[in-house]
Amino acid sequence: MSVAERVDHIAGMMERLEWQRGKSARELAKTWGCSVSTVENYSAEAHRRMVADRDEAVRDISVGARRLYIDAVNNGDAKAAKMMGDLWADVAGAKAPIKQELGVTAASPAAASRLVREAFGDKVIGGSEDSSEPPAIPEESPPE
């Protein structure tokens, strides 16, 4: 077998999940009459072929999503068109950022310190309990 054929053979084993680290290289080295390190070099090349390149993955998924999107639109399948459109937009980075809203409760530094001590105990610097601290300011209800 040529080097290319050996690398292809190992890549096939990896695709079928037959490749076992520490075992397969020894077995193939024996079968092929070469050193284990030579087979490990072949397996490194096979592995590089197996790991997806980001740009290649984006291209392939985009092409497939575009084809399926067009088919769905032409067939009047709104659900499939939405799914493929969303996938295509996600992969292409065409979706607008999603706005995240977080509710924040205002608290004085003393109240925040008290809450930290309650959560983490004496492990916090200034971990002694001070009952003179004011309570946290309650969160306001949204207007109705």
Protein backbone atom coordinates (compact mmCIF):
# COMPACT_ATOMS: atom_id res chain seq x y z
CA MET A 1 0.00 0.00 0.00
CA SER A 2 1.13 3.53 -0.70
CA VAL A 3 1.33 6.13 2.08
CA ALA A 4 -1.82 7.82 0.74
CA GLU A 5 -3.69 4.50 0.79
CA ARG A 6 -2.56 3.83 4.35
CA VAL A 7 -3.72 7.26 5.49
CA ASP A 8 -7.05 6.69 3.70
CA HIS A 9 -7.36 3.30 5.42
CA ILE A 10 -6.82 4.86 8.84
CA ALA A 11 -9.23 7.72 8.05
CA GLY A 12 -11.83 5.09 7.15
CA MET A 13 -11.23 3.36 10.47
CA MET A 14 -11.69 6.68 12.26
CA GLU A 15 -14.93 7.39 10.37
CA ARG A 16 -16.30 4.00 11.40
CA LEU A 17 -15.09 4.59 14.99
CA GLU A 18 -12.81 1.54 14.73
CA TRP A 19 -9.56 3.39 15.50
CA GLN A 20 -8.33 2.77 19.04
CA ARG A 21 -5.53 4.89 20.44
CA GLY A 22 -2.56 2.87 21.57
CA LYS A 23 -3.83 -0.30 19.93
CA SER A 24 -4.61 0.24 16.26
CA ALA A 25 -1.22 1.76 15.40
CA ARG A 26 0.60 -1.26 16.88
CA GLU A 27 -1.62 -3.71 14.99
CA LEU A 28 -1.23 -1.89 11.67
CA ALA A 29 2.53 -1.50 12.14
CA LYS A 30 2.77 -5.26 12.52
CA THR A 31 0.52 -5.89 9.49
CA TRP A 32 2.27 -3.34 7.28
CA GLY A 33 5.79 -4.17 8.48
CA CYS A 34 6.71 -0.68 9.58
CA SER A 35 7.32 1.13 12.86
CA VAL A 36 4.56 2.20 15.23
CA SER A 37 5.76 5.81 14.98
CA THR A 38 5.31 5.67 11.19
CA VAL A 39 1.71 4.50 11.60
CA GLU A 40 1.17 7.18 14.27
CA ASN A 41 2.33 9.78 11.71
CA TYR A 42 -0.17 8.36 9.21
CA SER A 43 -2.89 8.54 11.86
CA ALA A 44 -2.03 12.18 12.60
CA GLU A 45 -2.58 13.01 8.93
CA ALA A 46 -5.81 10.99 8.88
CA HIS A 47 -6.98 12.87 11.97
CA ARG A 48 -6.28 16.24 10.30
CA ARG A 49 -8.51 15.12 7.44
CA MET A 50 -11.26 14.12 9.87
CA VAL A 51 -11.34 17.36 11.87
CA ALA A 52 -13.57 19.91 10.20
CA ASP A 53 -12.14 23.19 9.09
CA ARG A 54 -14.43 26.01 10.29
CA ASP A 55 -14.60 27.75 6.90
CA GLU A 56 -15.27 24.46 5.12
CA ALA A 57 -18.04 23.58 7.59
CA VAL A 58 -19.67 27.01 7.20
CA ARG A 59 -19.51 26.68 3.42
CA ASP A 60 -20.92 23.14 3.33
CA ILE A 61 -23.72 23.84 5.81
CA SER A 62 -24.58 27.10 4.05
CA VAL A 63 -24.81 25.41 0.65
CA GLY A 64 -26.98 22.60 2.03
CA ALA A 65 -29.21 24.95 4.01
CA ARG A 66 -29.66 27.20 0.97
CA ARG A 67 -30.71 24.25 -1.22
CA LEU A 68 -33.14 22.93 1.39
CA TYR A 69 -34.49 26.44 2.04
CA ILE A 70 -35.21 26.98 -1.67
CA ASP A 71 -36.85 23.54 -1.92
CA ALA A 72 -39.02 24.29 1.12
CA VAL A 73 -40.10 27.68 -0.27
CA ASN A 74 -40.87 26.19 -3.69
CA ASN A 75 -42.91 23.41 -2.04
CA GLY A 76 -44.77 25.84 0.21
CA ASP A 77 -43.41 24.19 3.36
CA ALA A 78 -43.24 27.18 5.71
CA LYS A 79 -42.07 25.16 8.70
CA ALA A 80 -39.10 23.65 6.83
CA ALA A 81 -38.31 27.03 5.24
CA LYS A 82 -38.17 28.65 8.68
CA MET A 83 -35.94 25.88 10.06
CA MET A 84 -33.52 26.08 7.13
CA GLY A 85 -33.61 29.88 7.10
CA ASP A 86 -32.75 29.96 10.81
CA LEU A 87 -29.94 27.43 10.36
CA TRP A 88 -28.56 29.30 7.37
CA ALA A 89 -28.70 32.65 9.20
CA ASP A 90 -27.04 31.15 12.32
CA VAL A 91 -24.18 29.66 10.33
CA ALA A 92 -23.70 32.77 8.20
CA GLY A 93 -23.84 35.08 11.21
CA ALA A 94 -26.74 36.97 9.65
CA LYS A 95 -28.98 37.08 12.72
CA ALA A 96 -29.21 40.27 14.71
CA PRO A 97 -27.97 40.06 18.29
CA ILE A 98 -30.68 39.12 20.78
CA LYS A 99 -31.37 41.72 23.44
CA GLN A 100 -30.99 40.35 26.96
CA GLU A 101 -32.72 42.16 29.81
CA LEU A 102 -31.63 41.58 33.37
CA GLY A 103 -33.53 42.73 36.46
CA VAL A 104 -31.21 44.55 38.84
CA THR A 105 -32.05 45.30 42.43
CA ALA A 106 -30.36 48.36 43.89
CA ALA A 107 -28.63 47.75 47.21
CA SER A 108 -26.43 49.87 49.42
CA PRO A 109 -22.82 48.75 49.85
CA ALA A 110 -23.61 47.73 53.43
CA ALA A 111 -26.59 45.62 52.34
CA ALA A 112 -24.52 44.01 49.56
CA SER A 113 -21.80 43.21 52.08
CA ARG A 114 -24.36 41.60 54.40
CA LEU A 115 -25.75 39.47 51.55
CA VAL A 116 -22.25 38.28 50.61
CA ARG A 117 -21.51 37.34 54.22
CA GLU A 118 -24.80 35.45 54.45
CA ALA A 119 -23.93 33.51 51.31
CA PHE A 120 -20.23 32.87 52.05
CA GLY A 121 -19.92 33.20 55.83
CA ASP A 122 -16.66 34.02 57.60
CA LYS A 123 -14.53 33.36 54.51
CA VAL A 124 -15.23 36.91 53.38
CA ILE A 125 -13.04 39.74 54.65
CA GLY A 126 -15.05 41.63 57.23
CA GLY A 127 -17.14 38.51 57.85
CA SER A 128 -18.49 39.60 61.21
CA GLU A 129 -22.21 40.15 61.41
CA ASP A 130 -23.25 43.78 61.78
CA SER A 131 -26.92 44.08 62.58
CA SER A 132 -26.82 47.84 61.99
CA GLU A 133 -26.78 47.36 58.21
CA PRO A 134 -29.92 48.45 56.41
CA PRO A 135 -31.91 45.84 54.49
CA ALA A 136 -31.60 45.58 50.72
CA ILE A 137 -33.86 47.89 48.76
CA PRO A 138 -36.71 45.80 47.35
CA GLU A 139 -37.07 45.58 43.59
CA GLU A 140 -39.75 47.88 42.21
CA SER A 141 -42.72 46.38 40.41
CA PRO A 142 -43.04 47.29 36.76
CA PRO A 143 -45.83 49.81 35.97
CA GLU A 144 -49.11 48.20 34.92
